[in-house]
Amino acid sequence: MNNLSCPRCGLSHTKKNGHTHSRKQNYRCKGCGRQFVQDSQRVGADTRALVKRLLLERLSLRGVCRVTGVSLTWLLQFIAALYERLPDDLCVAPAAPDRHIGLLRLEAEVDELWSFVGRRADKQWLWLAFDKESRQVLAFFVGDRSRESARELWRRLPAAYRERATFYSDDWEAYKGVIPPERHQVCGKESGLTSGVERFNCTLRQRVSRLVRKTLSFSKKLENHIGAIKYFICHYNREVMRLL
């Protein structure tokens, strides 16, 4: 007899069922048929909350496993479900009431950030749009550095910005023909007009381990790469609005 509980149904009616490839004793639930080993018990709410906080720091997934004691298999399944539930609006709060009169003065900054998935030769550019006043990330897109990617970023912007905002960017040619020329201002780094989005790029590299230039924590799957970025941006936008 043993006192193990099934991680799926919680029942303690289990029996031994051979060994795993790593020579751990395998068990099988008599109720639901789930197979498991002794260290695969149900992960509690406190541990799940800790995992969510650690995913916002520059830790590798294996580092999160070492801190929390969860398995890599469980963590991968957990983050896949977590990323799937993230809102498409990135938790962007609408413009404050006192900005309604000044909609014609909406200002945004756009920039691109180099990253890779799987190997350094597989370049994935992160396109960002950043509100100058609220400091929120308005939209992002991961793709190549072509005009098609610029169009996809433009499509994801809130309608009020597409219709009225002035956009500041560097002189990358992909923006031309996508942002209306009367509302597009090309500027150099020394002007300071894109300092907000450039500072956020630094924050991303400091907090999201997948974006560090030289790292072993790079993404192996594009879906997880995008999910990790989206998870941090949603958290960032909520924190920005809480502090305003």
Protein backbone atom coordinates (compact mmCIF):
# COMPACT_ATOMS: atom_id res chain seq x y z
CA MET A 1 0.00 0.00 0.00
CA ASN A 2 1.07 3.62 -0.55
CA ASN A 3 -0.32 7.05 0.25
CA LEU A 4 0.22 8.59 -3.16
CA SER A 5 -2.59 10.58 -4.74
CA CYS A 6 -3.27 10.70 -8.45
CA PRO A 7 -2.31 14.14 -9.86
CA ARG A 8 -5.36 14.02 -12.17
CA CYS A 9 -8.27 12.85 -10.01
CA GLY A 10 -6.80 13.03 -6.49
CA LEU A 11 -7.67 9.45 -5.55
CA SER A 12 -5.18 7.33 -3.59
CA HIS A 13 -6.11 4.00 -5.21
CA THR A 14 -2.84 3.43 -7.07
CA LYS A 15 -0.60 0.49 -7.89
CA LYS A 16 2.98 0.07 -9.04
CA ASN A 17 3.33 0.00 -12.80
CA GLY A 18 6.93 -0.71 -13.78
CA HIS A 19 9.69 1.89 -14.03
CA THR A 20 10.37 4.93 -16.19
CA HIS A 21 13.35 5.25 -18.54
CA SER A 22 15.19 7.03 -15.70
CA ARG A 23 14.53 4.02 -13.40
CA LYS A 24 11.96 5.80 -11.22
CA GLN A 25 9.09 3.76 -9.84
CA ASN A 26 6.01 4.31 -12.00
CA TYR A 27 2.47 4.22 -10.57
CA ARG A 28 -0.95 3.87 -12.18
CA CYS A 29 -4.24 5.23 -10.82
CA LYS A 30 -6.91 2.51 -10.56
CA GLY A 31 -9.61 5.13 -11.03
CA CYS A 32 -8.68 7.19 -14.11
CA GLY A 33 -5.70 5.22 -15.41
CA ARG A 34 -3.23 8.14 -15.15
CA GLN A 35 0.42 7.06 -14.88
CA PHE A 36 2.79 9.12 -12.73
CA VAL A 37 5.91 9.00 -10.57
CA GLN A 38 6.16 9.98 -6.93
CA ASP A 39 7.47 13.53 -7.56
CA SER A 40 4.67 14.44 -9.99
CA GLN A 41 2.09 15.34 -7.37
CA ARG A 42 -0.40 18.16 -7.86
CA VAL A 43 1.22 21.61 -7.97
CA GLY A 44 -0.39 23.95 -5.45
CA ALA A 45 -1.76 27.44 -5.98
CA ASP A 46 1.17 29.09 -4.16
CA THR A 47 3.70 27.36 -6.42
CA ARG A 48 1.71 28.32 -9.53
CA ALA A 49 1.66 31.97 -8.41
CA LEU A 50 5.42 31.85 -7.81
CA VAL A 51 5.98 30.37 -11.28
CA LYS A 52 3.98 33.23 -12.83
CA ARG A 53 6.15 35.79 -11.03
CA LEU A 54 9.39 34.03 -12.00
CA LEU A 55 8.36 33.97 -15.66
CA LEU A 56 8.54 37.79 -15.56
CA GLU A 57 12.21 37.71 -14.58
CA ARG A 58 15.32 36.86 -16.58
CA LEU A 59 15.35 33.19 -15.64
CA SER A 60 15.62 30.19 -17.91
CA LEU A 61 12.81 27.63 -17.77
CA ARG A 62 15.16 25.15 -16.13
CA GLY A 63 16.04 27.84 -13.60
CA VAL A 64 12.33 28.20 -12.77
CA CYS A 65 12.19 24.41 -12.33
CA ARG A 66 15.14 24.46 -9.94
CA VAL A 67 13.62 27.24 -7.82
CA THR A 68 10.09 25.80 -7.61
CA GLY A 69 10.75 22.07 -7.82
CA VAL A 70 8.32 21.50 -10.71
CA SER A 71 9.25 19.36 -13.70
CA LEU A 72 10.14 20.84 -17.07
CA THR A 73 7.30 18.89 -18.69
CA TRP A 74 4.76 20.38 -16.26
CA LEU A 75 6.21 23.88 -16.75
CA LEU A 76 6.00 23.68 -20.54
CA GLN A 77 2.36 22.60 -20.34
CA PHE A 78 1.64 25.35 -17.80
CA ILE A 79 3.12 28.17 -19.88
CA ALA A 80 1.39 26.93 -23.03
CA ALA A 81 -1.98 27.23 -21.26
CA LEU A 82 -0.96 30.55 -19.67
CA TYR A 83 0.06 32.11 -22.99
CA GLU A 84 -3.11 30.84 -24.67
CA ARG A 85 -5.27 32.84 -22.22
CA LEU A 86 -3.49 36.19 -22.77
CA PRO A 87 -5.75 38.95 -24.17
CA ASP A 88 -5.16 40.22 -27.69
CA ASP A 89 -5.57 43.85 -26.55
CA LEU A 90 -2.38 43.50 -24.39
CA CYS A 91 -4.30 44.99 -21.43
CA VAL A 92 -4.01 48.46 -23.00
CA ALA A 93 -6.22 50.89 -21.10
CA PRO A 94 -8.26 53.38 -23.16
CA ALA A 95 -7.16 57.00 -23.30
CA ALA A 96 -7.98 58.96 -20.15
CA PRO A 97 -11.05 61.27 -20.33
CA ASP A 98 -8.92 64.41 -20.25
CA ARG A 99 -7.21 63.27 -23.46
CA HIS A 100 -10.41 63.04 -25.52
CA ILE A 101 -10.19 66.68 -26.58
CA GLY A 102 -6.61 66.19 -27.67
CA LEU A 103 -7.02 63.07 -29.77
CA LEU A 104 -5.42 64.90 -32.67
CA ARG A 105 -2.29 65.11 -30.56
CA LEU A 106 -1.91 61.38 -29.94
CA GLU A 107 1.73 60.45 -30.35
CA ALA A 108 3.35 57.04 -30.69
CA GLU A 109 6.83 55.66 -31.20
CA VAL A 110 7.67 52.58 -33.29
CA ASP A 111 10.82 50.50 -33.39
CA GLU A 112 12.15 47.01 -34.14
CA LEU A 113 14.15 44.68 -31.90
CA TRP A 114 16.30 41.83 -33.18
CA SER A 115 15.84 38.35 -31.72
CA PHE A 116 16.08 34.74 -32.87
CA VAL A 117 14.38 31.37 -32.39
CA GLY A 118 16.18 28.03 -32.40
CA ARG A 119 19.46 29.38 -33.82
CA ARG A 120 20.96 32.79 -34.40
CA ALA A 121 20.50 32.47 -38.16
CA ASP A 122 16.72 32.27 -37.68
CA LYS A 123 16.18 35.98 -37.08
CA GLN A 124 12.84 37.14 -35.67
CA TRP A 125 12.25 40.88 -35.43
CA LEU A 126 10.02 42.23 -32.68
CA TRP A 127 8.05 45.28 -33.90
CA LEU A 128 6.70 47.58 -31.18
CA ALA A 129 4.35 50.57 -31.02
CA PHE A 130 4.58 52.67 -27.85
CA ASP A 131 2.33 55.50 -26.59
CA LYS A 132 4.44 58.56 -25.81
CA GLU A 133 2.26 59.85 -22.95
CA SER A 134 0.82 56.78 -21.22
CA ARG A 135 4.00 54.67 -21.74
CA GLN A 136 1.88 51.68 -22.74
CA VAL A 137 2.80 49.19 -25.44
CA LEU A 138 0.01 49.58 -28.00
CA ALA A 139 0.82 46.64 -30.27
CA PHE A 140 3.59 44.23 -31.19
CA PHE A 141 4.36 41.76 -33.95
CA VAL A 142 7.09 39.16 -34.41
CA GLY A 143 8.23 38.53 -37.98
CA ASP A 144 10.87 39.52 -40.48
CA ARG A 145 12.01 43.10 -41.14
CA SER A 146 9.94 43.60 -44.28
CA ARG A 147 7.15 46.01 -45.11
CA GLU A 148 4.63 43.18 -44.64
CA SER A 149 5.62 42.98 -40.97
CA ALA A 150 5.26 46.76 -40.67
CA ARG A 151 1.74 46.46 -42.13
CA GLU A 152 0.86 43.76 -39.60
CA LEU A 153 2.01 46.00 -36.73
CA TRP A 154 -0.09 48.83 -38.19
CA ARG A 155 -3.14 46.55 -38.45
CA ARG A 156 -2.86 45.64 -34.76
CA LEU A 157 -2.84 49.24 -33.54
CA PRO A 158 -6.01 50.63 -31.89
CA ALA A 159 -8.18 52.43 -34.46
CA ALA A 160 -7.78 55.84 -32.77
CA TYR A 161 -4.01 55.72 -33.34
CA ARG A 162 -4.26 54.56 -36.94
CA GLU A 163 -6.64 57.44 -37.67
CA ARG A 164 -5.14 60.33 -35.69
CA ALA A 165 -1.74 59.70 -34.10
CA THR A 166 1.64 61.08 -35.12
CA PHE A 167 4.29 58.35 -35.33
CA TYR A 168 8.02 58.75 -34.68
CA SER A 169 10.47 56.20 -36.06
CA ASP A 170 13.98 55.75 -37.37
CA ASP A 171 14.66 55.85 -41.10
CA TRP A 172 13.88 52.18 -41.76
CA GLU A 173 12.31 52.03 -45.23
CA ALA A 174 9.62 49.47 -44.28
CA TYR A 175 7.60 52.19 -42.54
CA LYS A 176 7.25 54.15 -45.76
CA GLY A 177 4.00 53.36 -47.53
CA VAL A 178 2.51 51.92 -44.32
CA ILE A 179 2.32 54.95 -42.01
CA PRO A 180 0.61 57.91 -43.73
CA PRO A 181 3.42 60.34 -44.66
CA GLU A 182 1.61 63.36 -43.16
CA ARG A 183 1.65 61.62 -39.75
CA HIS A 184 5.07 59.99 -39.94
CA GLN A 185 8.12 61.77 -38.60
CA VAL A 186 11.54 60.21 -39.21
CA CYS A 187 14.05 61.13 -36.50
CA GLY A 188 17.48 60.12 -35.25
CA LYS A 189 18.26 58.69 -31.83
CA GLU A 190 19.82 62.01 -30.79
CA SER A 191 16.43 63.73 -31.13
CA GLY A 192 15.01 61.80 -28.15
CA LEU A 193 11.66 61.34 -29.92
CA THR A 194 11.97 57.53 -29.81
CA SER A 195 13.63 57.30 -26.40
CA GLY A 196 10.53 55.73 -24.80
CA VAL A 197 10.34 52.70 -27.06
CA GLU A 198 14.14 52.33 -27.08
CA ARG A 199 14.15 52.30 -23.27
CA PHE A 200 11.42 49.66 -23.30
CA ASN A 201 13.58 47.58 -25.65
CA CYS A 202 16.30 47.64 -22.97
CA THR A 203 13.75 46.60 -20.35
CA LEU A 204 12.71 43.64 -22.49
CA ARG A 205 16.29 42.46 -22.88
CA GLN A 206 16.88 42.80 -19.12
CA ARG A 207 13.69 40.98 -18.06
CA VAL A 208 12.93 38.42 -20.79
CA SER A 209 15.73 35.85 -20.98
CA ARG A 210 14.73 34.77 -24.51
CA LEU A 211 15.73 38.22 -25.80
CA VAL A 212 19.24 38.35 -24.33
CA ARG A 213 21.74 38.59 -27.19
CA LYS A 214 24.01 35.78 -25.98
CA THR A 215 22.08 33.22 -23.99
CA LEU A 216 21.24 29.54 -23.61
CA SER A 217 17.66 30.50 -22.72
CA PHE A 218 16.61 31.29 -26.30
CA SER A 219 13.25 30.07 -27.59
CA LYS A 220 13.08 26.75 -29.39
CA LYS A 221 9.52 27.34 -30.63
CA LEU A 222 8.16 30.53 -32.20
CA GLU A 223 4.85 30.15 -30.31
CA ASN A 224 6.64 30.21 -26.94
CA HIS A 225 8.81 33.13 -28.07
CA ILE A 226 5.73 35.21 -28.90
CA GLY A 227 3.89 34.03 -25.79
CA ALA A 228 6.70 35.04 -23.43
CA ILE A 229 6.88 38.51 -24.99
CA LYS A 230 3.11 38.93 -24.85
CA TYR A 231 2.98 37.78 -21.21
CA PHE A 232 5.56 40.39 -20.17
CA ILE A 233 3.89 43.18 -22.18
CA CYS A 234 0.47 42.47 -20.61
CA HIS A 235 2.04 42.59 -17.15
CA TYR A 236 3.96 45.78 -18.02
CA ASN A 237 0.84 47.58 -19.31
CA ARG A 238 -1.12 46.69 -16.16
CA GLU A 239 1.70 47.93 -13.94
CA VAL A 240 2.08 51.18 -15.87
CA MET A 241 -1.61 52.00 -15.49
CA ARG A 242 -1.57 51.07 -11.80
CA LEU A 243 1.23 53.59 -11.18
CA LEU A 244 -0.39 56.45 -13.11
